């Protein structure tokens, strides 16, 4: 019986190393797996910094024009170095009520990281109607 305890002890160390190194690597790989990308245009109607476990920037875009009524929810990647400047740009266009096009990537995201799987990585401001008429 004493030999079995020693054998179990020898298996515990490799199992612990596997958990410490392999599982975080697999989780990181799954997190980086991109399942789609695209753009959505409209007016940013909501942007907030909140979260379930970790805080992240979460927003909503009214697709098309304000009269359309269809809302698309998006997130900013908390791990991206671009996030502070993107959040600042989104706050400005939300306050101005300007039309924008958001570039996004769809990823599998663990539910405690962000509220949505749509991570915005770029903002294309659209010209105002007054400047388009000129």
N, C-alpha and C. Protein backbone atom coordinates (compact mmCIF):
# COMPACT_ATOMS: atom_id res chain seq x y z
N UNK A 1 0.82 -1.18 0.00
CA UNK A 1 0.00 0.00 0.00
C UNK A 1 0.87 1.25 0.00
N UNK A 2 1.98 1.20 0.64
CA UNK A 2 2.89 2.34 0.69
C UNK A 2 3.43 2.65 -0.70
N UNK A 3 3.66 1.64 -1.53
CA UNK A 3 4.15 1.85 -2.90
C UNK A 3 3.11 2.58 -3.73
N UNK A 4 1.83 2.28 -3.55
CA UNK A 4 0.78 2.96 -4.30
C UNK A 4 0.76 4.45 -4.00
N UNK A 5 0.96 4.83 -2.75
CA UNK A 5 0.98 6.24 -2.40
C UNK A 5 2.15 6.96 -3.08
N UNK A 6 3.28 6.30 -3.18
CA UNK A 6 4.45 6.87 -3.84
C UNK A 6 4.17 7.04 -5.34
N UNK A 7 3.52 6.03 -5.93
CA UNK A 7 3.18 6.09 -7.35
C UNK A 7 2.20 7.23 -7.63
N UNK A 8 1.21 7.39 -6.77
CA UNK A 8 0.24 8.47 -6.92
C UNK A 8 0.95 9.81 -6.78
N UNK A 9 1.87 9.93 -5.87
CA UNK A 9 2.65 11.16 -5.68
C UNK A 9 3.47 11.48 -6.93
N UNK A 10 4.03 10.46 -7.59
CA UNK A 10 4.81 10.68 -8.80
C UNK A 10 3.92 11.12 -9.97
N UNK A 11 2.67 10.68 -10.01
CA UNK A 11 1.74 11.11 -11.05
C UNK A 11 1.20 12.51 -10.80
N UNK A 12 1.15 12.90 -9.54
CA UNK A 12 0.59 14.21 -9.20
C UNK A 12 1.42 15.36 -9.77
N UNK A 13 2.73 15.26 -9.71
CA UNK A 13 3.60 16.35 -10.19
C UNK A 13 3.43 16.57 -11.70
N UNK A 14 3.49 15.55 -12.56
CA UNK A 14 3.27 15.81 -13.98
C UNK A 14 1.85 16.33 -14.27
N UNK A 15 0.87 15.81 -13.55
CA UNK A 15 -0.50 16.29 -13.76
C UNK A 15 -0.62 17.76 -13.38
N UNK A 16 0.00 18.15 -12.31
CA UNK A 16 -0.01 19.55 -11.88
C UNK A 16 0.69 20.43 -12.92
N UNK A 17 1.82 19.98 -13.45
CA UNK A 17 2.52 20.75 -14.49
C UNK A 17 1.67 20.88 -15.75
N UNK A 18 0.96 19.81 -16.10
CA UNK A 18 0.07 19.86 -17.26
C UNK A 18 -1.01 20.91 -17.06
N UNK A 19 -1.61 20.92 -15.90
CA UNK A 19 -2.66 21.89 -15.62
C UNK A 19 -2.09 23.31 -15.64
N UNK A 20 -0.90 23.50 -15.10
CA UNK A 20 -0.32 24.84 -15.01
C UNK A 20 0.10 25.40 -16.37
N UNK A 21 0.52 24.56 -17.29
CA UNK A 21 1.07 25.07 -18.55
C UNK A 21 0.22 24.77 -19.78
N UNK A 22 -0.32 23.58 -19.89
CA UNK A 22 -1.05 23.20 -21.10
C UNK A 22 -2.43 23.83 -21.19
N UNK A 23 -3.17 23.82 -20.12
CA UNK A 23 -4.53 24.33 -20.16
C UNK A 23 -4.57 25.83 -20.46
N UNK A 24 -3.75 26.68 -19.81
CA UNK A 24 -3.76 28.10 -20.20
C UNK A 24 -3.37 28.32 -21.67
N UNK A 25 -2.47 27.51 -22.20
CA UNK A 25 -2.10 27.64 -23.61
C UNK A 25 -3.26 27.28 -24.52
N UNK A 26 -4.02 26.26 -24.19
CA UNK A 26 -5.19 25.87 -24.99
C UNK A 26 -6.27 26.95 -24.91
N UNK A 27 -6.50 27.48 -23.71
CA UNK A 27 -7.49 28.53 -23.55
C UNK A 27 -7.10 29.76 -24.38
N UNK A 28 -5.83 30.12 -24.36
CA UNK A 28 -5.36 31.26 -25.14
C UNK A 28 -5.53 31.02 -26.63
N UNK A 29 -5.27 29.81 -27.07
CA UNK A 29 -5.44 29.46 -28.49
C UNK A 29 -6.91 29.57 -28.89
N UNK A 30 -7.81 29.07 -28.07
CA UNK A 30 -9.23 29.14 -28.37
C UNK A 30 -9.69 30.59 -28.38
N UNK A 31 -9.18 31.39 -27.44
CA UNK A 31 -9.56 32.81 -27.38
C UNK A 31 -9.15 33.55 -28.65
N UNK A 32 -8.03 33.20 -29.22
CA UNK A 32 -7.54 33.89 -30.41
C UNK A 32 -8.15 33.38 -31.71
N UNK A 33 -8.93 32.33 -31.65
CA UNK A 33 -9.53 31.77 -32.84
C UNK A 33 -10.62 32.71 -33.35
N UNK A 34 -10.42 33.18 -34.56
CA UNK A 34 -11.35 34.11 -35.17
C UNK A 34 -12.37 33.35 -35.99
N UNK A 35 -13.65 33.66 -35.79
CA UNK A 35 -14.67 32.96 -36.56
C UNK A 35 -15.32 33.85 -37.61
N UNK A 36 -14.98 35.12 -37.65
CA UNK A 36 -15.56 36.00 -38.66
C UNK A 36 -15.08 37.42 -38.48
N UNK A 37 -15.35 38.23 -39.47
CA UNK A 37 -15.05 39.65 -39.38
C UNK A 37 -15.97 40.41 -40.32
N UNK A 38 -16.07 41.72 -40.10
CA UNK A 38 -16.93 42.52 -40.96
C UNK A 38 -17.05 43.93 -40.46
N UNK A 39 -18.07 44.62 -40.96
CA UNK A 39 -18.34 46.00 -40.55
C UNK A 39 -19.83 46.17 -40.30
N UNK A 40 -20.15 47.11 -39.44
CA UNK A 40 -21.53 47.53 -39.19
C UNK A 40 -21.52 49.05 -39.15
N UNK A 41 -22.53 49.67 -39.76
CA UNK A 41 -22.63 51.12 -39.79
C UNK A 41 -23.87 51.57 -39.05
N UNK A 42 -23.74 52.72 -38.39
CA UNK A 42 -24.88 53.28 -37.68
C UNK A 42 -24.43 54.36 -36.71
N UNK A 43 -25.21 54.53 -35.66
CA UNK A 43 -24.96 55.56 -34.65
C UNK A 43 -24.73 54.86 -33.31
N UNK A 44 -23.62 55.21 -32.64
CA UNK A 44 -23.34 54.64 -31.32
C UNK A 44 -24.33 55.26 -30.33
N UNK A 45 -25.12 54.41 -29.67
CA UNK A 45 -26.13 54.91 -28.74
C UNK A 45 -25.81 54.58 -27.28
N UNK A 46 -24.79 53.74 -27.08
CA UNK A 46 -24.45 53.38 -25.70
C UNK A 46 -23.01 52.91 -25.66
N UNK A 47 -22.28 53.35 -24.64
CA UNK A 47 -20.92 52.87 -24.40
C UNK A 47 -20.70 52.92 -22.90
N UNK A 48 -20.33 51.79 -22.31
CA UNK A 48 -20.11 51.75 -20.87
C UNK A 48 -18.94 50.83 -20.54
N UNK A 49 -18.34 51.09 -19.38
CA UNK A 49 -17.22 50.29 -18.89
C UNK A 49 -17.75 49.46 -17.74
N UNK A 50 -17.94 48.18 -18.00
CA UNK A 50 -18.53 47.30 -16.99
C UNK A 50 -18.12 45.87 -17.28
N UNK A 51 -18.56 44.93 -16.43
CA UNK A 51 -18.26 43.53 -16.68
C UNK A 51 -18.77 42.61 -15.61
N UNK A 52 -18.76 41.34 -15.93
CA UNK A 52 -19.22 40.32 -14.98
C UNK A 52 -18.15 40.05 -13.93
N UNK A 53 -16.93 39.75 -14.39
CA UNK A 53 -15.81 39.52 -13.49
C UNK A 53 -14.75 40.58 -13.74
N UNK A 54 -14.35 40.74 -15.00
CA UNK A 54 -13.41 41.78 -15.40
C UNK A 54 -14.18 42.87 -16.14
N UNK A 55 -13.82 44.12 -15.92
CA UNK A 55 -14.47 45.21 -16.63
C UNK A 55 -13.98 45.29 -18.06
N UNK A 56 -14.89 45.62 -18.96
CA UNK A 56 -14.54 45.84 -20.37
C UNK A 56 -15.49 46.89 -20.93
N UNK A 57 -15.10 47.46 -22.06
CA UNK A 57 -15.95 48.44 -22.73
C UNK A 57 -16.99 47.70 -23.54
N UNK A 58 -18.26 48.02 -23.29
CA UNK A 58 -19.39 47.40 -23.98
C UNK A 58 -20.22 48.50 -24.62
N UNK A 59 -20.67 48.29 -25.85
CA UNK A 59 -21.43 49.32 -26.52
C UNK A 59 -22.56 48.78 -27.36
N UNK A 60 -23.37 49.71 -27.84
CA UNK A 60 -24.47 49.36 -28.74
C UNK A 60 -24.49 50.35 -29.89
N UNK A 61 -24.76 49.81 -31.07
CA UNK A 61 -24.82 50.60 -32.29
C UNK A 61 -26.22 50.47 -32.88
N UNK A 62 -26.87 51.60 -33.13
CA UNK A 62 -28.17 51.59 -33.81
C UNK A 62 -27.84 51.46 -35.29
N UNK A 63 -28.19 50.33 -35.87
CA UNK A 63 -27.83 50.05 -37.27
C UNK A 63 -28.60 50.96 -38.22
N UNK A 64 -27.92 51.36 -39.28
CA UNK A 64 -28.55 52.24 -40.26
C UNK A 64 -28.72 53.62 -39.69
N UNK A 65 -29.94 54.04 -39.49
CA UNK A 65 -30.21 55.34 -38.90
C UNK A 65 -30.95 55.15 -37.59
N UNK A 66 -31.14 56.22 -36.87
CA UNK A 66 -31.80 56.13 -35.57
C UNK A 66 -33.22 55.60 -35.70
N UNK A 67 -33.85 55.79 -36.85
CA UNK A 67 -35.23 55.33 -37.03
C UNK A 67 -35.34 53.82 -37.26
N UNK A 68 -34.24 53.14 -37.59
CA UNK A 68 -34.33 51.71 -37.93
C UNK A 68 -34.72 50.84 -36.73
N UNK A 69 -34.22 51.18 -35.55
CA UNK A 69 -34.59 50.46 -34.34
C UNK A 69 -33.82 49.18 -34.09
N UNK A 70 -32.97 48.74 -35.01
CA UNK A 70 -32.21 47.50 -34.81
C UNK A 70 -30.89 47.83 -34.11
N UNK A 71 -30.64 47.13 -33.00
CA UNK A 71 -29.45 47.40 -32.19
C UNK A 71 -28.46 46.24 -32.32
N UNK A 72 -27.18 46.58 -32.45
CA UNK A 72 -26.10 45.59 -32.49
C UNK A 72 -25.18 45.88 -31.31
N UNK A 73 -24.93 44.87 -30.49
CA UNK A 73 -24.06 45.02 -29.32
C UNK A 73 -22.65 44.58 -29.67
N UNK A 74 -21.66 45.29 -29.11
CA UNK A 74 -20.26 45.01 -29.39
C UNK A 74 -19.42 45.23 -28.13
N UNK A 75 -18.19 44.78 -28.18
CA UNK A 75 -17.24 44.95 -27.08
C UNK A 75 -15.91 45.44 -27.64
N UNK A 76 -15.10 45.99 -26.75
CA UNK A 76 -13.71 46.31 -27.07
C UNK A 76 -12.85 45.29 -26.35
N UNK A 77 -11.82 44.80 -27.02
CA UNK A 77 -10.96 43.76 -26.45
C UNK A 77 -10.18 44.32 -25.27
N UNK A 78 -10.40 43.80 -24.05
CA UNK A 78 -9.69 44.32 -22.89
C UNK A 78 -8.17 44.12 -22.97
N UNK A 79 -7.71 43.17 -23.77
CA UNK A 79 -6.28 42.89 -23.87
C UNK A 79 -5.58 43.72 -24.94
N UNK A 80 -6.34 44.45 -25.75
CA UNK A 80 -5.74 45.20 -26.85
C UNK A 80 -5.19 46.55 -26.38
N UNK A 81 -3.99 46.92 -26.85
CA UNK A 81 -3.45 48.24 -26.50
C UNK A 81 -4.22 49.38 -27.18
N UNK A 82 -5.02 49.09 -28.20
CA UNK A 82 -5.83 50.10 -28.89
C UNK A 82 -7.08 50.49 -28.12
N UNK A 83 -7.47 49.72 -27.14
CA UNK A 83 -8.75 49.91 -26.48
C UNK A 83 -8.96 51.30 -25.89
N UNK A 84 -8.00 51.89 -25.17
CA UNK A 84 -8.26 53.24 -24.62
C UNK A 84 -8.55 54.29 -25.70
N UNK A 85 -7.81 54.26 -26.80
CA UNK A 85 -8.06 55.26 -27.85
C UNK A 85 -9.37 54.97 -28.59
N UNK A 86 -9.71 53.70 -28.79
CA UNK A 86 -10.99 53.36 -29.42
C UNK A 86 -12.16 53.80 -28.54
N UNK A 87 -12.04 53.59 -27.23
CA UNK A 87 -13.10 54.00 -26.31
C UNK A 87 -13.28 55.52 -26.35
N UNK A 88 -12.18 56.24 -26.40
CA UNK A 88 -12.25 57.71 -26.47
C UNK A 88 -12.92 58.16 -27.76
N UNK A 89 -12.56 57.56 -28.89
CA UNK A 89 -13.18 57.90 -30.17
C UNK A 89 -14.68 57.58 -30.15
N UNK A 90 -15.04 56.42 -29.61
CA UNK A 90 -16.45 56.03 -29.55
C UNK A 90 -17.26 56.97 -28.66
N UNK A 91 -16.66 57.44 -27.56
CA UNK A 91 -17.35 58.39 -26.70
C UNK A 91 -17.63 59.69 -27.45
N UNK A 92 -16.65 60.14 -28.24
CA UNK A 92 -16.83 61.38 -29.01
C UNK A 92 -17.95 61.24 -30.03
N UNK A 93 -17.96 60.14 -30.79
CA UNK A 93 -19.00 59.99 -31.81
C UNK A 93 -20.37 59.72 -31.19
N UNK A 94 -20.40 59.11 -30.01
CA UNK A 94 -21.68 58.92 -29.32
C UNK A 94 -22.26 60.27 -28.92
N UNK A 95 -21.43 61.14 -28.35
CA UNK A 95 -21.90 62.45 -27.94
C UNK A 95 -22.35 63.30 -29.14
N UNK A 96 -21.64 63.16 -30.26
CA UNK A 96 -21.97 63.94 -31.46
C UNK A 96 -23.16 63.35 -32.21
N UNK A 97 -23.49 62.10 -31.97
CA UNK A 97 -24.57 61.44 -32.70
C UNK A 97 -24.20 61.19 -34.15
N UNK A 98 -22.90 61.05 -34.41
CA UNK A 98 -22.40 60.87 -35.77
C UNK A 98 -22.56 59.44 -36.27
N UNK A 99 -22.72 59.30 -37.56
CA UNK A 99 -22.72 57.98 -38.20
C UNK A 99 -21.28 57.49 -38.27
N UNK A 100 -21.07 56.22 -37.96
CA UNK A 100 -19.74 55.61 -38.04
C UNK A 100 -19.88 54.20 -38.61
N UNK A 101 -18.77 53.70 -39.09
CA UNK A 101 -18.68 52.29 -39.48
C UNK A 101 -17.67 51.64 -38.55
N UNK A 102 -18.09 50.58 -37.88
CA UNK A 102 -17.22 49.86 -36.95
C UNK A 102 -16.71 48.60 -37.61
N UNK A 103 -15.40 48.41 -37.54
CA UNK A 103 -14.78 47.18 -38.05
C UNK A 103 -14.65 46.23 -36.86
N UNK A 104 -15.07 44.98 -37.06
CA UNK A 104 -15.05 44.04 -35.95
C UNK A 104 -14.54 42.68 -36.39
N UNK A 105 -14.12 41.92 -35.40
CA UNK A 105 -13.78 40.52 -35.56
C UNK A 105 -14.63 39.74 -34.58
N UNK A 106 -15.13 38.60 -35.04
CA UNK A 106 -15.91 37.75 -34.14
C UNK A 106 -15.01 36.64 -33.64
N UNK A 107 -14.94 36.49 -32.33
CA UNK A 107 -14.10 35.49 -31.68
C UNK A 107 -14.94 34.71 -30.69
N UNK A 108 -14.46 33.53 -30.37
CA UNK A 108 -15.02 32.83 -29.21
C UNK A 108 -14.42 33.51 -27.98
N UNK A 109 -15.26 34.05 -27.12
CA UNK A 109 -14.79 34.75 -25.93
C UNK A 109 -15.38 34.08 -24.70
N UNK A 110 -14.56 33.87 -23.69
CA UNK A 110 -15.06 33.32 -22.44
C UNK A 110 -16.01 34.35 -21.83
N UNK A 111 -17.16 33.93 -21.30
CA UNK A 111 -18.21 34.85 -20.87
C UNK A 111 -17.78 35.86 -19.80
N UNK A 112 -16.72 35.58 -19.06
CA UNK A 112 -16.31 36.52 -18.02
C UNK A 112 -15.39 37.61 -18.57
N UNK A 113 -14.97 37.52 -19.83
CA UNK A 113 -14.09 38.55 -20.41
C UNK A 113 -14.86 39.73 -20.97
N UNK A 114 -15.86 39.46 -21.82
CA UNK A 114 -16.68 40.51 -22.41
C UNK A 114 -18.12 40.02 -22.51
N UNK A 115 -19.04 40.94 -22.78
CA UNK A 115 -20.45 40.55 -22.90
C UNK A 115 -20.77 39.96 -24.27
N UNK A 116 -20.00 40.33 -25.31
CA UNK A 116 -20.30 39.85 -26.66
C UNK A 116 -19.07 39.18 -27.26
N UNK A 117 -19.27 38.53 -28.39
CA UNK A 117 -18.17 37.92 -29.14
C UNK A 117 -17.66 38.83 -30.25
N UNK A 118 -18.23 40.03 -30.38
CA UNK A 118 -17.87 40.95 -31.44
C UNK A 118 -16.92 42.01 -30.89
N UNK A 119 -15.63 41.93 -31.28
CA UNK A 119 -14.62 42.84 -30.78
C UNK A 119 -14.29 43.89 -31.84
N UNK A 120 -14.60 45.14 -31.54
CA UNK A 120 -14.34 46.24 -32.47
C UNK A 120 -12.85 46.57 -32.43
N UNK A 121 -12.24 46.68 -33.62
CA UNK A 121 -10.83 47.02 -33.71
C UNK A 121 -10.58 48.28 -34.52
N UNK A 122 -11.61 48.84 -35.16
CA UNK A 122 -11.42 50.05 -35.95
C UNK A 122 -12.70 50.84 -36.10
N UNK A 123 -12.54 52.16 -36.26
CA UNK A 123 -13.67 53.06 -36.43
C UNK A 123 -13.42 53.89 -37.68
N UNK A 124 -14.40 53.90 -38.58
CA UNK A 124 -14.32 54.73 -39.78
C UNK A 124 -15.42 55.79 -39.65
N UNK A 125 -15.04 57.06 -39.38
CA UNK A 125 -16.07 58.09 -39.29
C UNK A 125 -16.69 58.34 -40.66
N UNK A 126 -17.98 58.59 -40.70
CA UNK A 126 -18.66 58.88 -41.96
C UNK A 126 -18.86 60.37 -42.06
N UNK A 127 -18.78 60.88 -43.28
CA UNK A 127 -18.95 62.31 -43.52
C UNK A 127 -20.37 62.73 -43.14
N UNK A 128 -20.48 63.94 -42.62
CA UNK A 128 -21.81 64.45 -42.25
C UNK A 128 -22.61 64.74 -43.52
N UNK A 129 -23.90 64.78 -43.40
CA UNK A 129 -24.78 65.03 -44.54
C UNK A 129 -24.50 66.39 -45.17
N UNK A 130 -24.14 67.39 -44.36
CA UNK A 130 -23.87 68.73 -44.88
C UNK A 130 -22.64 68.72 -45.79
N UNK A 131 -21.60 67.97 -45.38
CA UNK A 131 -20.39 67.93 -46.20
C UNK A 131 -20.58 67.04 -47.43
N UNK A 132 -21.51 66.05 -47.35
CA UNK A 132 -21.79 65.21 -48.52
C UNK A 132 -22.51 66.00 -49.60
N UNK A 133 -23.32 66.97 -49.19
CA UNK A 133 -24.10 67.75 -50.15
C UNK A 133 -23.23 68.72 -50.95
N UNK A 134 -22.08 69.06 -50.42
CA UNK A 134 -21.20 70.01 -51.09
C UNK A 134 -20.52 69.45 -52.29
